[in-house]
Amino acid sequence: MQFAPTRIEDVILVTPKLFGDPRGFFLEMYHQEKFQAGGIDAQFVQDNLSRSQRGVLRGLHYQIQHPQGKLVTVLSGKIFDVAVDVRRSSPTFGQWVGAILDDESRQALYIPPGFAHGFSVLSDSADVYYKCTDLYHPEHERTLLWNDPTVNVDWPLDSDPILSPKDVAGLPLDEVECFE
């Protein structure tokens, strides 16, 4: 397993070792000791799976109380995964990092607590699996506007995205509740 900090060093790209042969493949998705050695000291308590069609954009979501770290991977398809730093005291506040995750590379992106998370689907459909460090608490969920010009995420979109009402109603960075 390889662990590579991104442009925002708290966000880490994880590349598993893939063992393949004519029958298929095997890989280790998560190994606590290896993750700790790679700079990710997180205890995961909830796993989620979502399926989305091409053009869907989900996010940018986070929980202001009970913040969640997330380990995101794609079981089938391809996405552009994004993390935005919403910690006001951070030197990278308001900055974003993105990574292509797909079912070929099998890479995962670790997004620590204090970041808004979202993704857009680049394939016909995508099954996105993610482990979370805290349970989901809908009353504490916040949504950063996906196309806030202050954050200026460079989404690889070829048309208007398919959004949920919650994501359409997201707030810009200067109005959304952030971490201190």
C-alpha atoms as a PDB file:
ATOM      1  CA  MET A   1       0.000   0.000   0.000  1.00  0.00           C
ATOM      2  CA  GLN A   2       1.202   3.473  -0.839  1.00  0.00           C
ATOM      3  CA  PHE A   3       0.089   6.681   0.882  1.00  0.00           C
ATOM      4  CA  ALA A   4       0.620   9.998  -0.919  1.00  0.00           C
ATOM      5  CA  PRO A   5      -0.333  13.360   0.543  1.00  0.00           C
ATOM      6  CA  THR A   6      -2.142  15.593  -1.939  1.00  0.00           C
ATOM      7  CA  ARG A   7      -1.751  19.327  -2.441  1.00  0.00           C
ATOM      8  CA  ILE A   8      -3.514  19.620   0.937  1.00  0.00           C
ATOM      9  CA  GLU A   9      -1.345  17.227   2.918  1.00  0.00           C
ATOM     10  CA  ASP A  10      -4.116  16.114   5.321  1.00  0.00           C
ATOM     11  CA  VAL A  11      -5.955  14.602   2.345  1.00  0.00           C
ATOM     12  CA  ILE A  12      -4.179  11.374   1.388  1.00  0.00           C
ATOM     13  CA  LEU A  13      -4.388   9.284  -1.787  1.00  0.00           C
ATOM     14  CA  VAL A  14      -4.155   5.568  -0.994  1.00  0.00           C
ATOM     15  CA  THR A  15      -2.967   3.142  -3.670  1.00  0.00           C
ATOM     16  CA  PRO A  16      -3.485  -0.502  -2.716  1.00  0.00           C
ATOM     17  CA  LYS A  17      -1.306  -3.333  -3.957  1.00  0.00           C
ATOM     18  CA  LEU A  18      -3.293  -5.359  -6.467  1.00  0.00           C
ATOM     19  CA  PHE A  19      -2.639  -9.074  -6.825  1.00  0.00           C
ATOM     20  CA  GLY A  20      -4.044 -10.312 -10.130  1.00  0.00           C
ATOM     21  CA  ASP A  21      -4.048 -13.522 -12.092  1.00  0.00           C
ATOM     22  CA  PRO A  22      -6.286 -15.099 -14.763  1.00  0.00           C
ATOM     23  CA  ARG A  23      -8.979 -15.750 -12.133  1.00  0.00           C
ATOM     24  CA  GLY A  24      -9.311 -12.080 -11.162  1.00  0.00           C
ATOM     25  CA  PHE A  25      -7.664 -10.032  -8.440  1.00  0.00           C
ATOM     26  CA  PHE A  26      -7.279  -9.513  -4.704  1.00  0.00           C
ATOM     27  CA  LEU A  27      -6.435  -6.365  -2.801  1.00  0.00           C
ATOM     28  CA  GLU A  28      -6.473  -5.154   0.757  1.00  0.00           C
ATOM     29  CA  MET A  29      -8.845  -2.167   1.002  1.00  0.00           C
ATOM     30  CA  TYR A  30      -8.067  -1.341   4.607  1.00  0.00           C
ATOM     31  CA  HIS A  31      -5.446  -2.458   7.115  1.00  0.00           C
ATOM     32  CA  GLN A  32      -5.369  -0.443  10.336  1.00  0.00           C
ATOM     33  CA  GLU A  33      -1.639  -0.797  11.063  1.00  0.00           C
ATOM     34  CA  LYS A  34      -0.633   0.059   7.486  1.00  0.00           C
ATOM     35  CA  PHE A  35      -2.956   3.062   7.477  1.00  0.00           C
ATOM     36  CA  GLN A  36      -1.501   4.311  10.764  1.00  0.00           C
ATOM     37  CA  ALA A  37       2.018   3.928   9.365  1.00  0.00           C
ATOM     38  CA  GLY A  38       0.849   5.819   6.255  1.00  0.00           C
ATOM     39  CA  GLY A  39      -0.381   8.789   8.289  1.00  0.00           C
ATOM     40  CA  ILE A  40      -4.067   7.892   8.643  1.00  0.00           C
ATOM     41  CA  ASP A  41      -4.879   7.232  12.278  1.00  0.00           C
ATOM     42  CA  ALA A  42      -8.649   6.906  12.017  1.00  0.00           C
ATOM     43  CA  GLN A  43     -11.186   4.566  13.527  1.00  0.00           C
ATOM     44  CA  PHE A  44     -14.043   3.866  11.139  1.00  0.00           C
ATOM     45  CA  VAL A  45     -17.526   3.267  12.560  1.00  0.00           C
ATOM     46  CA  GLN A  46     -19.872   3.378   9.554  1.00  0.00           C
ATOM     47  CA  ASP A  47     -19.671   2.196   5.926  1.00  0.00           C
ATOM     48  CA  ASN A  48     -21.816   3.660   3.128  1.00  0.00           C
ATOM     49  CA  LEU A  49     -22.486   2.767  -0.496  1.00  0.00           C
ATOM     50  CA  SER A  50     -24.096   5.004  -3.102  1.00  0.00           C
ATOM     51  CA  ARG A  51     -24.934   4.418  -6.751  1.00  0.00           C
ATOM     52  CA  SER A  52     -25.240   7.367  -9.100  1.00  0.00           C
ATOM     53  CA  GLN A  53     -25.640   7.864 -12.825  1.00  0.00           C
ATOM     54  CA  ARG A  54     -23.482   9.893 -15.198  1.00  0.00           C
ATOM     55  CA  GLY A  55     -23.751  13.618 -14.564  1.00  0.00           C
ATOM     56  CA  VAL A  56     -24.774  13.332 -10.905  1.00  0.00           C
ATOM     57  CA  LEU A  57     -22.894  15.632  -8.573  1.00  0.00           C
ATOM     58  CA  ARG A  58     -23.197  14.960  -4.843  1.00  0.00           C
ATOM     59  CA  GLY A  59     -21.944  17.482  -2.305  1.00  0.00           C
ATOM     60  CA  LEU A  60     -20.228  19.304  -0.921  1.00  0.00           C
ATOM     61  CA  HIS A  61     -21.279  17.836   2.454  1.00  0.00           C
ATOM     62  CA  TYR A  62     -19.908  17.744   6.001  1.00  0.00           C
ATOM     63  CA  GLN A  63     -21.142  17.589   9.586  1.00  0.00           C
ATOM     64  CA  ILE A  64     -20.424  20.610  11.794  1.00  0.00           C
ATOM     65  CA  GLN A  65     -20.853  18.459  14.918  1.00  0.00           C
ATOM     66  CA  HIS A  66     -19.769  14.834  14.821  1.00  0.00           C
ATOM     67  CA  PRO A  67     -17.398  15.604  11.911  1.00  0.00           C
ATOM     68  CA  GLN A  68     -16.626  12.625   9.717  1.00  0.00           C
ATOM     69  CA  GLY A  69     -13.378  11.548   8.187  1.00  0.00           C
ATOM     70  CA  LYS A  70     -14.034   9.522   5.036  1.00  0.00           C
ATOM     71  CA  LEU A  71     -12.126   6.886   3.107  1.00  0.00           C
ATOM     72  CA  VAL A  72     -13.676   6.978  -0.369  1.00  0.00           C
ATOM     73  CA  THR A  73     -13.243   4.381  -3.102  1.00  0.00           C
ATOM     74  CA  VAL A  74     -15.105   3.347  -6.247  1.00  0.00           C
ATOM     75  CA  LEU A  75     -16.314  -0.232  -6.626  1.00  0.00           C
ATOM     76  CA  SER A  76     -17.545   0.304 -10.197  1.00  0.00           C
ATOM     77  CA  GLY A  77     -17.314   3.277 -12.517  1.00  0.00           C
ATOM     78  CA  LYS A  78     -15.373   6.520 -12.317  1.00  0.00           C
ATOM     79  CA  ILE A  79     -15.758   9.724 -10.299  1.00  0.00           C
ATOM     80  CA  PHE A  80     -14.038  13.023  -9.670  1.00  0.00           C
ATOM     81  CA  ASP A  81     -13.780  13.170  -5.866  1.00  0.00           C
ATOM     82  CA  VAL A  82     -13.330  16.517  -4.088  1.00  0.00           C
ATOM     83  CA  ALA A  83     -12.383  17.663  -0.578  1.00  0.00           C
ATOM     84  CA  VAL A  84     -12.667  21.314   0.506  1.00  0.00           C
ATOM     85  CA  ASP A  85     -10.985  22.545   3.690  1.00  0.00           C
ATOM     86  CA  VAL A  86     -13.662  24.231   5.849  1.00  0.00           C
ATOM     87  CA  ARG A  87     -11.450  24.766   8.925  1.00  0.00           C
ATOM     88  CA  ARG A  88     -11.099  28.550   9.362  1.00  0.00           C
ATOM     89  CA  SER A  89      -7.855  28.203  11.361  1.00  0.00           C
ATOM     90  CA  SER A  90      -6.225  26.108   8.629  1.00  0.00           C
ATOM     91  CA  PRO A  91      -3.684  27.656   6.242  1.00  0.00           C
ATOM     92  CA  THR A  92      -5.558  25.863   3.420  1.00  0.00           C
ATOM     93  CA  PHE A  93      -9.045  27.117   4.432  1.00  0.00           C
ATOM     94  CA  GLY A  94     -11.302  27.335   1.378  1.00  0.00           C
ATOM     95  CA  GLN A  95      -8.894  25.378  -0.819  1.00  0.00           C
ATOM     96  CA  TRP A  96      -9.858  22.162  -2.550  1.00  0.00           C
ATOM     97  CA  VAL A  97      -8.190  19.050  -3.865  1.00  0.00           C
ATOM     98  CA  GLY A  98      -9.641  16.567  -6.328  1.00  0.00           C
ATOM     99  CA  ALA A  99      -8.767  13.089  -7.543  1.00  0.00           C
ATOM    100  CA  ILE A 100     -10.088  10.723 -10.165  1.00  0.00           C
ATOM    101  CA  LEU A 101     -11.144   7.484  -8.479  1.00  0.00           C
ATOM    102  CA  ASP A 102     -12.189   4.482 -10.533  1.00  0.00           C
ATOM    103  CA  ASP A 103     -12.598   0.725 -10.561  1.00  0.00           C
ATOM    104  CA  GLU A 104      -9.334   0.228 -12.450  1.00  0.00           C
ATOM    105  CA  SER A 105      -6.809   1.951 -10.189  1.00  0.00           C
ATOM    106  CA  ARG A 106      -8.743   0.978  -7.038  1.00  0.00           C
ATOM    107  CA  GLN A 107      -7.255   4.032  -5.324  1.00  0.00           C
ATOM    108  CA  ALA A 108      -8.974   5.573  -2.323  1.00  0.00           C
ATOM    109  CA  LEU A 109      -8.978   9.127  -1.006  1.00  0.00           C
ATOM    110  CA  TYR A 110      -8.819   9.779   2.728  1.00  0.00           C
ATOM    111  CA  ILE A 111     -10.592  12.992   3.665  1.00  0.00           C
ATOM    112  CA  PRO A 112     -10.130  13.924   7.333  1.00  0.00           C
ATOM    113  CA  PRO A 113     -12.737  15.600   9.555  1.00  0.00           C
ATOM    114  CA  GLY A 114     -13.041  19.317   8.847  1.00  0.00           C
ATOM    115  CA  PHE A 115     -13.466  18.943   5.088  1.00  0.00           C
ATOM    116  CA  ALA A 116     -16.520  19.176   2.863  1.00  0.00           C
ATOM    117  CA  HIS A 117     -16.774  16.237   0.470  1.00  0.00           C
ATOM    118  CA  GLY A 118     -18.416  15.715  -2.900  1.00  0.00           C
ATOM    119  CA  PHE A 119     -18.034  13.937  -6.195  1.00  0.00           C
ATOM    120  CA  SER A 120     -19.237  13.983  -9.774  1.00  0.00           C
ATOM    121  CA  VAL A 121     -19.861  10.824 -11.794  1.00  0.00           C
ATOM    122  CA  LEU A 122     -17.816  10.515 -15.000  1.00  0.00           C
ATOM    123  CA  SER A 123     -18.926   7.022 -16.111  1.00  0.00           C
ATOM    124  CA  ASP A 124     -22.383   5.716 -17.056  1.00  0.00           C
ATOM    125  CA  SER A 125     -22.863   4.899 -13.370  1.00  0.00           C
ATOM    126  CA  ALA A 126     -20.671   4.599 -10.291  1.00  0.00           C
ATOM    127  CA  ASP A 127     -20.850   2.677  -7.044  1.00  0.00           C
ATOM    128  CA  VAL A 128     -19.020   4.716  -4.398  1.00  0.00           C
ATOM    129  CA  TYR A 129     -18.086   3.042  -1.130  1.00  0.00           C
ATOM    130  CA  TYR A 130     -16.854   5.021   1.825  1.00  0.00           C
ATOM    131  CA  LYS A 131     -15.912   4.363   5.404  1.00  0.00           C
ATOM    132  CA  CYS A 132     -16.694   7.086   7.979  1.00  0.00           C
ATOM    133  CA  THR A 133     -15.082   7.925  11.317  1.00  0.00           C
ATOM    134  CA  ASP A 134     -18.365   9.059  12.893  1.00  0.00           C
ATOM    135  CA  LEU A 135     -22.010   8.192  12.467  1.00  0.00           C
ATOM    136  CA  TYR A 136     -24.329  10.180  10.219  1.00  0.00           C
ATOM    137  CA  HIS A 137     -26.243  12.912  12.061  1.00  0.00           C
ATOM    138  CA  PRO A 138     -28.519  14.682   9.550  1.00  0.00           C
ATOM    139  CA  GLU A 139     -29.275  17.540  11.951  1.00  0.00           C
ATOM    140  CA  HIS A 140     -25.577  18.523  11.868  1.00  0.00           C
ATOM    141  CA  GLU A 141     -25.063  18.170   8.119  1.00  0.00           C
ATOM    142  CA  ARG A 142     -24.075  21.296   6.206  1.00  0.00           C
ATOM    143  CA  THR A 143     -23.782  21.805   2.453  1.00  0.00           C
ATOM    144  CA  LEU A 144     -21.204  24.039   0.833  1.00  0.00           C
ATOM    145  CA  LEU A 145     -22.430  25.253  -2.551  1.00  0.00           C
ATOM    146  CA  TRP A 146     -20.867  22.970  -5.162  1.00  0.00           C
ATOM    147  CA  ASN A 147     -20.089  25.853  -7.555  1.00  0.00           C
ATOM    148  CA  ASP A 148     -19.128  28.579  -5.074  1.00  0.00           C
ATOM    149  CA  PRO A 149     -16.876  30.949  -7.077  1.00  0.00           C
ATOM    150  CA  THR A 150     -14.743  31.627  -3.984  1.00  0.00           C
ATOM    151  CA  VAL A 151     -13.752  27.955  -3.760  1.00  0.00           C
ATOM    152  CA  ASN A 152     -13.800  27.532  -7.553  1.00  0.00           C
ATOM    153  CA  VAL A 153     -13.689  23.739  -7.824  1.00  0.00           C
ATOM    154  CA  ASP A 154     -12.740  22.811 -11.396  1.00  0.00           C
ATOM    155  CA  TRP A 155     -15.387  20.113 -11.869  1.00  0.00           C
ATOM    156  CA  PRO A 156     -14.878  18.105 -15.098  1.00  0.00           C
ATOM    157  CA  LEU A 157     -18.448  18.628 -16.323  1.00  0.00           C
ATOM    158  CA  ASP A 158     -19.638  18.613 -19.924  1.00  0.00           C
ATOM    159  CA  SER A 159     -23.186  19.734 -19.009  1.00  0.00           C
ATOM    160  CA  ASP A 160     -25.160  20.987 -16.039  1.00  0.00           C
ATOM    161  CA  PRO A 161     -24.903  18.462 -13.202  1.00  0.00           C
ATOM    162  CA  ILE A 162     -27.823  16.504 -11.772  1.00  0.00           C
ATOM    163  CA  LEU A 163     -28.240  17.829  -8.212  1.00  0.00           C
ATOM    164  CA  SER A 164     -30.429  17.070  -5.218  1.00  0.00           C
ATOM    165  CA  PRO A 165     -32.546  19.915  -3.787  1.00  0.00           C
ATOM    166  CA  LYS A 166     -30.183  19.938  -0.780  1.00  0.00           C
ATOM    167  CA  ASP A 167     -27.180  20.514  -3.046  1.00  0.00           C
ATOM    168  CA  VAL A 168     -28.939  23.234  -5.057  1.00  0.00           C
ATOM    169  CA  ALA A 169     -29.619  25.028  -1.743  1.00  0.00           C
ATOM    170  CA  GLY A 170     -25.992  24.825  -0.543  1.00  0.00           C
ATOM    171  CA  LEU A 171     -24.455  27.992   0.867  1.00  0.00           C
ATOM    172  CA  PRO A 172     -21.317  29.794  -0.304  1.00  0.00           C
ATOM    173  CA  LEU A 173     -18.187  29.623   1.841  1.00  0.00           C
ATOM    174  CA  ASP A 174     -18.719  33.092   3.333  1.00  0.00           C
ATOM    175  CA  GLU A 175     -22.201  32.089   4.577  1.00  0.00           C
ATOM    176  CA  VAL A 176     -21.892  28.409   5.510  1.00  0.00           C
ATOM    177  CA  GLU A 177     -21.087  27.344   9.067  1.00  0.00           C
ATOM    178  CA  CYS A 178     -17.431  26.272   9.247  1.00  0.00           C
ATOM    179  CA  PHE A 179     -15.072  24.787  11.795  1.00  0.00           C
ATOM    180  CA  GLU A 180     -12.854  27.182  13.769  1.00  0.00           C
END
